[in-house]
Amino acid sequence: MPAQWIKKGLVSLVAVLTFGLVTPAPPAHDLDKQNDRQNLHESESVRTSDHEQNVQQSEQSDDSWRSSDEKMQLIKGFSAYVRCEASAQGKQKFGTRIGEKLNDPYIKEVVPAFINAVKEISMTRDKTWIRSLDITHEPAAGYGERIIHVYNTLSGQEVAKLHVRRNHPPQAGYAFQFHYHTVLDGFKDHHEIKTIYWGKNMPPKWQNTPIET
C-alpha cells in the first residue's frame, strides 16, 4: 500500500477517535461578555447587600441609644436622635422655597436651643423615664406651628414642643418666629429662640412632604 494512503488512513483514524474530546475555545469577545455579565451580577449583589445593611443600621440607630445603662449617655443619645429628626422634619415643613432662607439658621441656632431644653428636662428625670421618650413625625402643614414634639410613651404626656409662628405686624412685612414650650412650666411660657424676617410678600404655606437629599 502506498505510503501516502497509510498516512491518510492514520489521520482519519485519529480524527474519529478524538471527535468530541476537544472543544474549541470560544471567541475572545464571548469571554469578555461572560465576564462582564458576571461582574455586573456581583456588583449588583454587593450594592444590594450594602443597601440592606445601611437600612438595618438606620433602623437600629433610632433605638440604639436606649440600651445604655448610664443616664448621661441616655441623654446624649436621645439628644442626638432629636437633633437629627428635628433638622429633617424642619426641612420637610419648610419646603424648598422657604427652606432656602430658613434651613441654615434653623439648623445652626434653633435646633441646638431646643436640644438644650430637652436636655434640661431629662436631667430632672430618671433613666426609665428617659428611655420612654419619643418624638412625633408629622410637622404641621398649611399654617400650623408644630415642627416636632417630644413625649413620654409610658404616660402619653408631652414633654417639649418646637414650634414656628408666622408674624405679620402692621406695615412690617412677614417673619417667622421660632419658639418652644416645655413641661417644666406647664407649657405656659413661650420660650423664643429666633425670629427670621421673610419680606413684604406673604410666604407660601408650610409643606408636609419629605425633601429628597
N, C-alpha and C. Protein backbone atom coordinates (compact mmCIF):
# COMPACT_ATOMS: atom_id res chain seq x y z
N MET A 1 0.87 -1.20 0.00
CA MET A 1 0.00 0.00 0.00
C MET A 1 0.89 1.23 0.00
N PRO A 2 0.58 2.15 -0.86
CA PRO A 2 1.42 3.36 -0.94
C PRO A 2 1.47 4.07 0.41
N ALA A 3 2.59 4.71 0.69
CA ALA A 3 2.79 5.40 1.98
C ALA A 3 1.78 6.51 2.19
N GLN A 4 1.43 7.20 1.09
CA GLN A 4 0.51 8.32 1.26
C GLN A 4 -0.87 7.86 1.70
N TRP A 5 -1.28 6.67 1.26
CA TRP A 5 -2.57 6.15 1.70
C TRP A 5 -2.53 5.75 3.16
N ILE A 6 -1.42 5.22 3.58
CA ILE A 6 -1.28 4.87 5.01
C ILE A 6 -1.36 6.13 5.88
N LYS A 7 -0.71 7.18 5.43
CA LYS A 7 -0.71 8.44 6.17
C LYS A 7 -2.11 9.01 6.29
N LYS A 8 -2.86 8.98 5.17
CA LYS A 8 -4.23 9.50 5.19
C LYS A 8 -5.11 8.66 6.11
N GLY A 9 -4.88 7.35 6.12
CA GLY A 9 -5.67 6.48 6.99
C GLY A 9 -5.43 6.77 8.45
N LEU A 10 -4.19 7.02 8.83
CA LEU A 10 -3.87 7.34 10.22
C LEU A 10 -4.51 8.66 10.64
N VAL A 11 -4.47 9.63 9.77
CA VAL A 11 -5.06 10.94 10.07
C VAL A 11 -6.56 10.81 10.30
N SER A 12 -7.21 10.01 9.43
CA SER A 12 -8.66 9.81 9.57
C SER A 12 -8.99 9.09 10.86
N LEU A 13 -8.17 8.09 11.22
CA LEU A 13 -8.40 7.34 12.44
C LEU A 13 -8.27 8.23 13.68
N VAL A 14 -7.25 9.07 13.70
CA VAL A 14 -7.06 9.99 14.83
C VAL A 14 -8.23 10.96 14.95
N ALA A 15 -8.72 11.43 13.81
CA ALA A 15 -9.84 12.37 13.81
C ALA A 15 -11.08 11.73 14.40
N VAL A 16 -11.33 10.46 14.04
CA VAL A 16 -12.50 9.76 14.55
C VAL A 16 -12.39 9.53 16.05
N LEU A 17 -11.20 9.11 16.50
CA LEU A 17 -11.01 8.79 17.92
C LEU A 17 -11.11 10.03 18.81
N THR A 18 -10.69 11.17 18.32
CA THR A 18 -10.68 12.40 19.14
C THR A 18 -11.91 13.26 18.95
N PHE A 19 -12.86 12.81 18.13
CA PHE A 19 -14.06 13.61 17.86
C PHE A 19 -14.86 13.82 19.15
N GLY A 20 -15.18 15.04 19.47
CA GLY A 20 -15.95 15.36 20.67
C GLY A 20 -15.13 15.54 21.92
N LEU A 21 -13.83 15.12 21.87
CA LEU A 21 -13.00 15.27 23.06
C LEU A 21 -12.35 16.64 23.14
N VAL A 22 -12.14 17.26 22.06
CA VAL A 22 -11.50 18.58 22.02
C VAL A 22 -12.56 19.62 21.74
N THR A 23 -12.76 20.52 22.65
CA THR A 23 -13.75 21.58 22.49
C THR A 23 -13.06 22.87 22.10
N PRO A 24 -13.47 23.44 21.01
CA PRO A 24 -12.81 24.68 20.57
C PRO A 24 -13.07 25.80 21.56
N ALA A 25 -12.06 26.62 21.79
CA ALA A 25 -12.18 27.74 22.72
C ALA A 25 -13.13 28.78 22.15
N PRO A 26 -14.01 29.37 22.98
CA PRO A 26 -14.92 30.40 22.48
C PRO A 26 -14.14 31.64 22.09
N PRO A 27 -14.71 32.42 21.19
CA PRO A 27 -14.03 33.66 20.78
C PRO A 27 -13.79 34.57 21.97
N ALA A 28 -12.76 35.40 21.86
CA ALA A 28 -12.38 36.27 22.98
C ALA A 28 -13.49 37.22 23.37
N HIS A 29 -14.26 37.73 22.37
CA HIS A 29 -15.30 38.69 22.73
C HIS A 29 -16.44 38.03 23.49
N ASP A 30 -16.67 36.71 23.25
CA ASP A 30 -17.69 36.00 24.02
C ASP A 30 -17.27 35.87 25.48
N LEU A 31 -15.97 35.60 25.69
CA LEU A 31 -15.46 35.51 27.06
C LEU A 31 -15.60 36.85 27.78
N ASP A 32 -15.33 37.94 27.06
CA ASP A 32 -15.46 39.26 27.66
C ASP A 32 -16.89 39.54 28.09
N LYS A 33 -17.86 39.14 27.23
CA LYS A 33 -19.27 39.35 27.57
C LYS A 33 -19.66 38.55 28.81
N GLN A 34 -19.18 37.31 28.88
CA GLN A 34 -19.48 36.48 30.04
C GLN A 34 -18.91 37.10 31.31
N ASN A 35 -17.68 37.59 31.23
CA ASN A 35 -17.04 38.21 32.39
C ASN A 35 -17.78 39.47 32.81
N ASP A 36 -18.22 40.26 31.80
CA ASP A 36 -18.94 41.49 32.11
C ASP A 36 -20.25 41.18 32.84
N ARG A 37 -20.96 40.14 32.35
CA ARG A 37 -22.22 39.78 33.00
C ARG A 37 -21.99 39.31 34.43
N GLN A 38 -20.92 38.53 34.62
CA GLN A 38 -20.61 38.04 35.95
C GLN A 38 -20.23 39.18 36.89
N ASN A 39 -19.42 40.12 36.39
CA ASN A 39 -19.02 41.26 37.22
C ASN A 39 -20.21 42.14 37.58
N LEU A 40 -21.12 42.33 36.59
CA LEU A 40 -22.30 43.14 36.84
C LEU A 40 -23.18 42.50 37.91
N HIS A 41 -23.34 41.18 37.80
CA HIS A 41 -24.14 40.47 38.79
C HIS A 41 -23.54 40.58 40.18
N GLU A 42 -22.21 40.44 40.26
CA GLU A 42 -21.53 40.54 41.55
C GLU A 42 -21.65 41.95 42.12
N SER A 43 -21.54 42.97 41.25
CA SER A 43 -21.64 44.36 41.71
C SER A 43 -23.04 44.65 42.25
N GLU A 44 -24.07 44.14 41.52
CA GLU A 44 -25.44 44.36 41.96
C GLU A 44 -25.68 43.67 43.30
N SER A 45 -25.10 42.48 43.46
CA SER A 45 -25.26 41.76 44.73
C SER A 45 -24.63 42.53 45.87
N VAL A 46 -23.45 43.11 45.62
CA VAL A 46 -22.75 43.89 46.65
C VAL A 46 -23.55 45.13 47.02
N ARG A 47 -24.09 45.83 45.98
CA ARG A 47 -24.87 47.04 46.24
C ARG A 47 -26.13 46.71 47.04
N THR A 48 -26.78 45.61 46.67
CA THR A 48 -27.99 45.20 47.39
C THR A 48 -27.68 44.89 48.84
N SER A 49 -26.58 44.18 49.05
CA SER A 49 -26.16 43.84 50.42
C SER A 49 -25.84 45.08 51.22
N ASP A 50 -25.11 46.04 50.60
CA ASP A 50 -24.76 47.28 51.29
C ASP A 50 -26.00 48.08 51.65
N HIS A 51 -26.96 48.13 50.70
CA HIS A 51 -28.19 48.89 50.95
C HIS A 51 -28.97 48.29 52.11
N GLU A 52 -29.11 46.95 52.10
CA GLU A 52 -29.83 46.29 53.18
C GLU A 52 -29.15 46.52 54.52
N GLN A 53 -27.81 46.51 54.50
CA GLN A 53 -27.06 46.74 55.73
C GLN A 53 -27.27 48.15 56.24
N ASN A 54 -27.27 49.14 55.31
CA ASN A 54 -27.47 50.53 55.71
C ASN A 54 -28.86 50.74 56.29
N VAL A 55 -29.86 50.09 55.67
CA VAL A 55 -31.23 50.20 56.17
C VAL A 55 -31.34 49.62 57.57
N GLN A 56 -30.72 48.46 57.76
CA GLN A 56 -30.75 47.83 59.08
C GLN A 56 -30.07 48.71 60.12
N GLN A 57 -28.91 49.29 59.75
CA GLN A 57 -28.20 50.15 60.68
C GLN A 57 -29.01 51.38 61.02
N SER A 58 -29.71 51.93 60.00
CA SER A 58 -30.53 53.11 60.24
C SER A 58 -31.67 52.80 61.19
N GLU A 59 -32.32 51.62 60.96
CA GLU A 59 -33.42 51.23 61.82
C GLU A 59 -32.94 51.00 63.25
N GLN A 60 -31.77 50.41 63.38
CA GLN A 60 -31.25 50.12 64.71
C GLN A 60 -30.82 51.39 65.43
N SER A 61 -30.31 52.37 64.66
CA SER A 61 -29.77 53.58 65.28
C SER A 61 -30.86 54.38 65.98
N ASP A 62 -32.13 54.27 65.53
CA ASP A 62 -33.22 55.00 66.15
C ASP A 62 -33.39 54.63 67.62
N ASP A 63 -33.21 53.37 67.95
CA ASP A 63 -33.42 52.90 69.31
C ASP A 63 -32.14 52.48 70.02
N SER A 64 -31.02 52.57 69.34
CA SER A 64 -29.78 52.08 69.93
C SER A 64 -29.41 52.87 71.19
N TRP A 65 -29.80 54.13 71.27
CA TRP A 65 -29.45 54.96 72.43
C TRP A 65 -30.10 54.45 73.71
N ARG A 66 -31.21 53.72 73.59
CA ARG A 66 -31.93 53.25 74.77
C ARG A 66 -31.18 52.16 75.53
N SER A 67 -30.20 51.53 74.90
CA SER A 67 -29.52 50.38 75.51
C SER A 67 -28.49 50.78 76.57
N SER A 68 -28.16 52.06 76.66
CA SER A 68 -27.15 52.50 77.62
C SER A 68 -27.65 52.37 79.06
N ASP A 69 -26.73 52.08 79.97
CA ASP A 69 -27.05 52.00 81.39
C ASP A 69 -26.72 53.28 82.14
N GLU A 70 -26.08 54.22 81.45
CA GLU A 70 -25.68 55.48 82.08
C GLU A 70 -26.67 56.59 81.72
N LYS A 71 -27.10 57.33 82.71
CA LYS A 71 -28.08 58.39 82.48
C LYS A 71 -27.57 59.43 81.49
N MET A 72 -26.33 59.87 81.66
CA MET A 72 -25.80 60.90 80.78
C MET A 72 -25.68 60.40 79.34
N GLN A 73 -25.36 59.12 79.18
CA GLN A 73 -25.29 58.55 77.84
C GLN A 73 -26.68 58.45 77.21
N LEU A 74 -27.67 58.15 78.03
CA LEU A 74 -29.05 58.12 77.53
C LEU A 74 -29.47 59.51 77.04
N ILE A 75 -29.15 60.52 77.84
CA ILE A 75 -29.49 61.89 77.45
C ILE A 75 -28.75 62.29 76.18
N LYS A 76 -27.49 61.94 76.12
CA LYS A 76 -26.68 62.27 74.94
C LYS A 76 -27.22 61.57 73.70
N GLY A 77 -27.56 60.29 73.84
CA GLY A 77 -28.06 59.53 72.70
C GLY A 77 -29.40 60.04 72.22
N PHE A 78 -30.32 60.31 73.15
CA PHE A 78 -31.63 60.81 72.75
C PHE A 78 -31.52 62.20 72.15
N SER A 79 -30.65 63.03 72.69
CA SER A 79 -30.45 64.38 72.15
C SER A 79 -29.96 64.33 70.71
N ALA A 80 -29.05 63.40 70.43
CA ALA A 80 -28.55 63.25 69.06
C ALA A 80 -29.67 62.81 68.12
N TYR A 81 -30.52 61.93 68.61
CA TYR A 81 -31.66 61.46 67.81
C TYR A 81 -32.62 62.61 67.52
N VAL A 82 -32.93 63.40 68.54
CA VAL A 82 -33.83 64.54 68.36
C VAL A 82 -33.22 65.56 67.41
N ARG A 83 -31.92 65.79 67.54
CA ARG A 83 -31.25 66.75 66.66
C ARG A 83 -31.40 66.34 65.19
N CYS A 84 -31.18 65.08 64.91
CA CYS A 84 -31.28 64.57 63.55
C CYS A 84 -32.71 64.70 63.02
N GLU A 85 -33.68 64.29 63.84
CA GLU A 85 -35.07 64.32 63.41
C GLU A 85 -35.61 65.74 63.30
N ALA A 86 -35.24 66.60 64.23
CA ALA A 86 -35.71 67.98 64.18
C ALA A 86 -35.18 68.69 62.94
N SER A 87 -33.94 68.40 62.57
CA SER A 87 -33.36 69.00 61.37
C SER A 87 -34.11 68.53 60.13
N ALA A 88 -34.35 67.23 60.04
CA ALA A 88 -35.02 66.67 58.87
C ALA A 88 -36.48 67.12 58.79
N GLN A 89 -37.17 67.12 59.91
CA GLN A 89 -38.59 67.49 59.89
C GLN A 89 -38.78 68.98 59.68
N GLY A 90 -37.80 69.78 60.11
CA GLY A 90 -37.87 71.21 59.82
C GLY A 90 -37.79 71.46 58.32
N LYS A 91 -36.84 70.81 57.67
CA LYS A 91 -36.71 70.95 56.22
C LYS A 91 -37.97 70.46 55.51
N GLN A 92 -38.54 69.38 56.04
CA GLN A 92 -39.77 68.85 55.47
C GLN A 92 -40.90 69.87 55.56
N LYS A 93 -41.00 70.54 56.69
CA LYS A 93 -42.06 71.52 56.90
C LYS A 93 -41.87 72.76 56.04
N PHE A 94 -40.63 73.23 55.94
CA PHE A 94 -40.36 74.47 55.22
C PHE A 94 -40.61 74.33 53.72
N GLY A 95 -40.29 73.17 53.17
CA GLY A 95 -40.36 73.03 51.73
C GLY A 95 -39.16 73.71 51.08
N THR A 96 -39.10 73.63 49.78
CA THR A 96 -37.93 74.13 49.06
C THR A 96 -37.81 75.65 49.11
N ARG A 97 -38.89 76.35 48.84
CA ARG A 97 -38.82 77.81 48.72
C ARG A 97 -38.50 78.48 50.05
N ILE A 98 -39.27 78.17 51.10
CA ILE A 98 -38.99 78.77 52.40
C ILE A 98 -37.68 78.26 52.96
N GLY A 99 -37.37 77.01 52.67
CA GLY A 99 -36.15 76.41 53.19
C GLY A 99 -34.88 77.10 52.73
N GLU A 100 -34.93 77.73 51.56
CA GLU A 100 -33.75 78.45 51.07
C GLU A 100 -33.31 79.53 52.05
N LYS A 101 -34.26 80.11 52.77
CA LYS A 101 -33.93 81.17 53.72
C LYS A 101 -33.82 80.66 55.16
N LEU A 102 -34.58 79.62 55.49
CA LEU A 102 -34.65 79.19 56.89
C LEU A 102 -33.73 78.04 57.27
N ASN A 103 -33.41 77.17 56.35
CA ASN A 103 -32.69 75.94 56.71
C ASN A 103 -31.41 76.19 57.50
N ASP A 104 -30.59 77.09 57.02
CA ASP A 104 -29.28 77.29 57.65
C ASP A 104 -29.39 77.82 59.08
N PRO A 105 -30.08 78.95 59.32
CA PRO A 105 -30.19 79.42 60.71
C PRO A 105 -30.99 78.46 61.59
N TYR A 106 -31.92 77.76 61.00
CA TYR A 106 -32.71 76.81 61.78
C TYR A 106 -31.82 75.70 62.34
N ILE A 107 -30.99 75.11 61.50
CA ILE A 107 -30.13 74.01 61.93
C ILE A 107 -29.04 74.49 62.88
N LYS A 108 -28.49 75.68 62.63
CA LYS A 108 -27.37 76.17 63.42
C LYS A 108 -27.77 76.80 64.74
N GLU A 109 -28.97 77.37 64.82
CA GLU A 109 -29.36 78.12 66.02
C GLU A 109 -30.62 77.58 66.70
N VAL A 110 -31.64 77.30 65.92
CA VAL A 110 -32.92 76.89 66.51
C VAL A 110 -32.85 75.48 67.10
N VAL A 111 -32.39 74.53 66.30
CA VAL A 111 -32.33 73.14 66.77
C VAL A 111 -31.46 72.99 68.02
N PRO A 112 -30.24 73.57 68.07
CA PRO A 112 -29.44 73.44 69.29
C PRO A 112 -30.13 74.00 70.54
N ALA A 113 -30.87 75.10 70.38
CA ALA A 113 -31.58 75.68 71.53
C ALA A 113 -32.66 74.72 72.03
N PHE A 114 -33.34 74.08 71.11
CA PHE A 114 -34.37 73.12 71.51
C PHE A 114 -33.75 71.89 72.17
N ILE A 115 -32.62 71.45 71.66
CA ILE A 115 -31.91 70.31 72.25
C ILE A 115 -31.53 70.61 73.69
N ASN A 116 -31.06 71.82 73.94
CA ASN A 116 -30.70 72.21 75.32
C ASN A 116 -31.90 72.13 76.25
N ALA A 117 -33.07 72.50 75.74
CA ALA A 117 -34.28 72.42 76.55
C ALA A 117 -34.63 70.97 76.86
N VAL A 118 -34.48 70.10 75.87
CA VAL A 118 -34.75 68.67 76.07
C VAL A 118 -33.78 68.09 77.10
N LYS A 119 -32.53 68.48 77.03
CA LYS A 119 -31.53 68.01 78.00
C LYS A 119 -31.88 68.48 79.41
N GLU A 120 -32.30 69.73 79.52
CA GLU A 120 -32.64 70.29 80.83
C GLU A 120 -33.77 69.50 81.48
N ILE A 121 -34.77 69.16 80.69
CA ILE A 121 -35.88 68.37 81.22
C ILE A 121 -35.40 66.98 81.64
N SER A 122 -34.61 66.35 80.78
CA SER A 122 -34.15 64.98 81.04
C SER A 122 -33.30 64.88 82.29
N MET A 123 -32.57 65.93 82.60
CA MET A 123 -31.71 65.92 83.78
C MET A 123 -32.52 65.80 85.07
N THR A 124 -33.79 66.16 85.04
CA THR A 124 -34.62 66.11 86.24
C THR A 124 -35.33 64.76 86.41
N ARG A 125 -35.13 63.84 85.47
CA ARG A 125 -35.85 62.57 85.50
C ARG A 125 -34.88 61.38 85.59
N ASP A 126 -35.45 60.19 85.81
CA ASP A 126 -34.61 59.00 85.95
C ASP A 126 -34.42 58.30 84.60
N LYS A 127 -33.63 57.22 84.61
CA LYS A 127 -33.27 56.53 83.37
C LYS A 127 -34.48 55.88 82.70
N THR A 128 -35.37 55.31 83.49
CA THR A 128 -36.56 54.67 82.91
C THR A 128 -37.41 55.69 82.16
N TRP A 129 -37.55 56.86 82.73
CA TRP A 129 -38.34 57.92 82.09
C TRP A 129 -37.68 58.36 80.79
N ILE A 130 -36.37 58.50 80.81
CA ILE A 130 -35.65 58.95 79.61
C ILE A 130 -35.77 57.92 78.49
N ARG A 131 -35.66 56.64 78.84
CA ARG A 131 -35.78 55.58 77.83
C ARG A 131 -37.16 55.56 77.18
N SER A 132 -38.14 56.12 77.86
CA SER A 132 -39.51 56.11 77.36
C SER A 132 -39.83 57.30 76.47
N LEU A 133 -38.86 58.14 76.21
CA LEU A 133 -39.09 59.32 75.37
C LEU A 133 -39.15 58.95 73.90
N ASP A 134 -39.96 59.68 73.17
CA ASP A 134 -40.02 59.51 71.72
C ASP A 134 -40.46 60.84 71.11
N ILE A 135 -40.56 60.87 69.78
CA ILE A 135 -40.88 62.11 69.08
C ILE A 135 -42.00 61.91 68.08
N THR A 136 -42.63 63.02 67.69
CA THR A 136 -43.64 62.98 66.63
C THR A 136 -42.94 63.02 65.27
N HIS A 137 -43.68 62.62 64.24
CA HIS A 137 -43.11 62.57 62.89
C HIS A 137 -44.00 63.25 61.86
N GLU A 138 -44.87 64.14 62.31
CA GLU A 138 -45.80 64.81 61.40
C GLU A 138 -45.77 66.32 61.60
N PRO A 139 -44.84 67.03 60.98
CA PRO A 139 -44.85 68.50 61.06
C PRO A 139 -46.16 69.04 60.49
N ALA A 140 -46.69 70.07 61.12
CA ALA A 140 -47.96 70.64 60.66
C ALA A 140 -47.78 71.34 59.32
N ALA A 141 -48.70 71.08 58.41
CA ALA A 141 -48.68 71.74 57.10
C ALA A 141 -49.56 72.98 57.16
N GLY A 142 -49.74 73.64 56.02
CA GLY A 142 -50.60 74.81 55.95
C GLY A 142 -50.05 75.97 56.76
N TYR A 143 -50.79 76.36 57.82
CA TYR A 143 -50.36 77.45 58.69
C TYR A 143 -50.10 76.96 60.12
N GLY A 144 -50.05 75.66 60.33
CA GLY A 144 -49.82 75.11 61.66
C GLY A 144 -48.42 75.40 62.17
N GLU A 145 -48.27 75.48 63.49
CA GLU A 145 -46.98 75.86 64.09
C GLU A 145 -46.06 74.66 64.36
N ARG A 146 -46.61 73.50 64.56
CA ARG A 146 -45.81 72.37 65.05
C ARG A 146 -44.70 71.95 64.09
N ILE A 147 -43.48 71.82 64.64
CA ILE A 147 -42.36 71.21 63.91
C ILE A 147 -42.15 69.80 64.44
N ILE A 148 -41.87 69.69 65.75
CA ILE A 148 -41.65 68.39 66.37
C ILE A 148 -41.99 68.47 67.85
N HIS A 149 -42.57 67.41 68.38
CA HIS A 149 -42.88 67.31 69.80
C HIS A 149 -42.14 66.12 70.39
N VAL A 150 -41.74 66.25 71.64
CA VAL A 150 -41.16 65.14 72.41
C VAL A 150 -42.21 64.72 73.43
N TYR A 151 -42.43 63.41 73.56
CA TYR A 151 -43.43 62.93 74.52
C TYR A 151 -42.95 61.65 75.19
N ASN A 152 -43.60 61.29 76.29
CA ASN A 152 -43.27 60.08 77.02
C ASN A 152 -44.24 58.97 76.62
N THR A 153 -43.70 57.85 76.15
CA THR A 153 -44.55 56.78 75.64
C THR A 153 -45.30 56.03 76.74
N LEU A 154 -44.82 56.07 77.97
CA LEU A 154 -45.48 55.37 79.07
C LEU A 154 -46.72 56.12 79.54
N SER A 155 -46.58 57.43 79.70
CA SER A 155 -47.69 58.24 80.21
C SER A 155 -48.49 58.91 79.10
N GLY A 156 -47.88 59.03 77.92
CA GLY A 156 -48.52 59.75 76.83
C GLY A 156 -48.40 61.26 76.98
N GLN A 157 -47.71 61.70 78.01
CA GLN A 157 -47.57 63.13 78.29
C GLN A 157 -46.55 63.78 77.36
N GLU A 158 -46.92 64.94 76.83
CA GLU A 158 -45.96 65.70 76.02
C GLU A 158 -44.93 66.33 76.94
N VAL A 159 -43.71 66.44 76.44
CA VAL A 159 -42.59 66.90 77.24
C VAL A 159 -42.04 68.23 76.75
N ALA A 160 -41.89 68.36 75.43
CA ALA A 160 -41.36 69.59 74.84
C ALA A 160 -41.93 69.75 73.43
N LYS A 161 -42.15 71.00 73.03
CA LYS A 161 -42.73 71.29 71.72
C LYS A 161 -41.90 72.36 71.01
N LEU A 162 -41.50 72.08 69.80
CA LEU A 162 -40.79 73.06 68.98
C LEU A 162 -41.75 73.57 67.91
N HIS A 163 -41.99 74.87 67.92
CA HIS A 163 -42.97 75.49 67.02
C HIS A 163 -42.35 76.64 66.23
N VAL A 164 -43.03 77.02 65.17
CA VAL A 164 -42.67 78.22 64.42
C VAL A 164 -43.97 78.95 64.07
N ARG A 165 -44.01 80.24 64.38
CA ARG A 165 -45.22 81.04 64.16
C ARG A 165 -44.95 82.09 63.09
N ARG A 166 -45.97 82.36 62.30
CA ARG A 166 -45.88 83.41 61.28
C ARG A 166 -46.33 84.73 61.92
N ASN A 167 -45.46 85.70 61.91
CA ASN A 167 -45.80 87.02 62.44
C ASN A 167 -45.95 88.00 61.28
N HIS A 168 -46.95 88.89 61.42
CA HIS A 168 -47.17 89.91 60.39
C HIS A 168 -47.62 91.21 61.04
N PRO A 169 -46.69 91.89 61.71
CA PRO A 169 -47.04 93.19 62.29
C PRO A 169 -47.48 94.17 61.20
N PRO A 170 -48.38 95.09 61.51
CA PRO A 170 -48.84 96.06 60.51
C PRO A 170 -47.68 96.81 59.85
N GLN A 171 -47.66 96.78 58.54
CA GLN A 171 -46.68 97.51 57.73
C GLN A 171 -45.23 97.11 58.04
N ALA A 172 -45.05 95.90 58.53
CA ALA A 172 -43.69 95.46 58.88
C ALA A 172 -43.25 94.21 58.12
N GLY A 173 -44.08 93.72 57.23
CA GLY A 173 -43.71 92.52 56.50
C GLY A 173 -43.96 91.25 57.30
N TYR A 174 -43.49 90.14 56.77
CA TYR A 174 -43.70 88.83 57.39
C TYR A 174 -42.41 88.31 58.01
N ALA A 175 -42.56 87.58 59.11
CA ALA A 175 -41.40 86.99 59.78
C ALA A 175 -41.80 85.65 60.40
N PHE A 176 -40.80 84.80 60.60
CA PHE A 176 -41.01 83.50 61.23
C PHE A 176 -40.39 83.53 62.62
N GLN A 177 -41.21 83.24 63.62
CA GLN A 177 -40.74 83.29 65.00
C GLN A 177 -40.68 81.87 65.56
N PHE A 178 -39.46 81.39 65.86
CA PHE A 178 -39.24 80.05 66.40
C PHE A 178 -39.26 80.10 67.93
N HIS A 179 -39.94 79.15 68.53
CA HIS A 179 -40.03 79.10 69.99
C HIS A 179 -40.32 77.67 70.43
N TYR A 180 -40.22 77.44 71.75
CA TYR A 180 -40.56 76.12 72.28
C TYR A 180 -41.33 76.25 73.58
N HIS A 181 -42.01 75.18 73.96
CA HIS A 181 -42.74 75.07 75.22
C HIS A 181 -42.26 73.80 75.91
N THR A 182 -42.24 73.79 77.24
CA THR A 182 -41.81 72.60 77.96
C THR A 182 -42.74 72.28 79.13
N VAL A 183 -42.66 71.04 79.57
CA VAL A 183 -43.47 70.57 80.68
C VAL A 183 -43.03 71.19 82.00
N LEU A 184 -41.82 71.71 82.06
CA LEU A 184 -41.29 72.25 83.31
C LEU A 184 -42.12 73.41 83.84
N ASP A 185 -42.74 74.18 82.94
CA ASP A 185 -43.60 75.28 83.38
C ASP A 185 -45.06 75.06 82.96
N GLY A 186 -45.38 73.80 82.68
CA GLY A 186 -46.75 73.50 82.28
C GLY A 186 -47.10 74.05 80.91
N PHE A 187 -46.10 74.27 80.07
CA PHE A 187 -46.28 74.79 78.71
C PHE A 187 -46.88 76.20 78.69
N LYS A 188 -46.75 76.90 79.80
CA LYS A 188 -47.32 78.25 79.88
C LYS A 188 -46.42 79.29 79.22
N ASP A 189 -45.12 79.14 79.40
CA ASP A 189 -44.19 80.14 78.87
C ASP A 189 -43.89 79.89 77.40
N HIS A 190 -43.61 80.98 76.74
CA HIS A 190 -43.32 80.98 75.31
C HIS A 190 -41.83 81.30 75.18
N HIS A 191 -41.00 80.27 75.04
CA HIS A 191 -39.55 80.47 75.02
C HIS A 191 -39.09 80.78 73.59
N GLU A 192 -38.87 82.06 73.34
CA GLU A 192 -38.48 82.47 71.98
C GLU A 192 -37.02 82.12 71.72
N ILE A 193 -36.76 81.61 70.51
CA ILE A 193 -35.40 81.24 70.10
C ILE A 193 -34.85 82.24 69.09
N LYS A 194 -35.60 82.45 68.01
CA LYS A 194 -35.09 83.32 66.95
C LYS A 194 -36.24 83.74 66.04
N THR A 195 -36.17 84.97 65.55
CA THR A 195 -37.12 85.47 64.56
C THR A 195 -36.37 85.77 63.27
N ILE A 196 -36.88 85.26 62.17
CA ILE A 196 -36.23 85.44 60.86
C ILE A 196 -37.19 86.18 59.94
N TYR A 197 -36.75 87.31 59.46
CA TYR A 197 -37.58 88.14 58.58
C TYR A 197 -37.70 87.49 57.20
N TRP A 198 -38.92 87.51 56.67
CA TRP A 198 -39.16 86.92 55.35
C TRP A 198 -39.20 87.98 54.25
N GLY A 199 -40.06 88.99 54.41
CA GLY A 199 -40.19 90.01 53.39
C GLY A 199 -41.59 90.60 53.40
N LYS A 200 -41.87 91.47 52.45
CA LYS A 200 -43.17 92.14 52.37
C LYS A 200 -44.26 91.21 51.86
N ASN A 201 -43.90 90.28 50.99
CA ASN A 201 -44.89 89.39 50.40
C ASN A 201 -45.18 88.19 51.30
N MET A 202 -46.43 87.73 51.26
CA MET A 202 -46.82 86.59 52.09
C MET A 202 -46.06 85.33 51.68
N PRO A 203 -45.47 84.62 52.63
CA PRO A 203 -44.75 83.38 52.31
C PRO A 203 -45.73 82.26 51.97
N PRO A 204 -45.28 81.25 51.25
CA PRO A 204 -46.17 80.12 50.93
C PRO A 204 -46.51 79.32 52.18
N LYS A 205 -47.49 78.44 52.05
CA LYS A 205 -47.88 77.59 53.18
C LYS A 205 -46.77 76.59 53.50
N TRP A 206 -46.84 76.08 54.73
CA TRP A 206 -45.92 75.02 55.11
C TRP A 206 -46.23 73.76 54.32
N GLN A 207 -45.18 73.00 54.08
CA GLN A 207 -45.33 71.73 53.37
C GLN A 207 -45.36 70.59 54.39
N ASN A 208 -45.67 69.40 53.91
CA ASN A 208 -45.57 68.21 54.75
C ASN A 208 -45.11 67.04 53.89
N THR A 209 -44.20 67.34 52.98
CA THR A 209 -43.66 66.32 52.08
C THR A 209 -42.17 66.21 52.31
N PRO A 210 -41.65 65.01 52.59
CA PRO A 210 -40.21 64.85 52.81
C PRO A 210 -39.40 65.38 51.63
N ILE A 211 -38.31 66.07 51.93
CA ILE A 211 -37.42 66.60 50.90
C ILE A 211 -36.34 65.58 50.60
N GLU A 212 -36.18 65.21 49.32
CA GLU A 212 -35.15 64.26 48.94
C GLU A 212 -33.79 64.94 48.96
N THR A 213 -32.80 64.26 49.53
CA THR A 213 -31.45 64.82 49.62
C THR A 213 -30.47 63.95 48.88
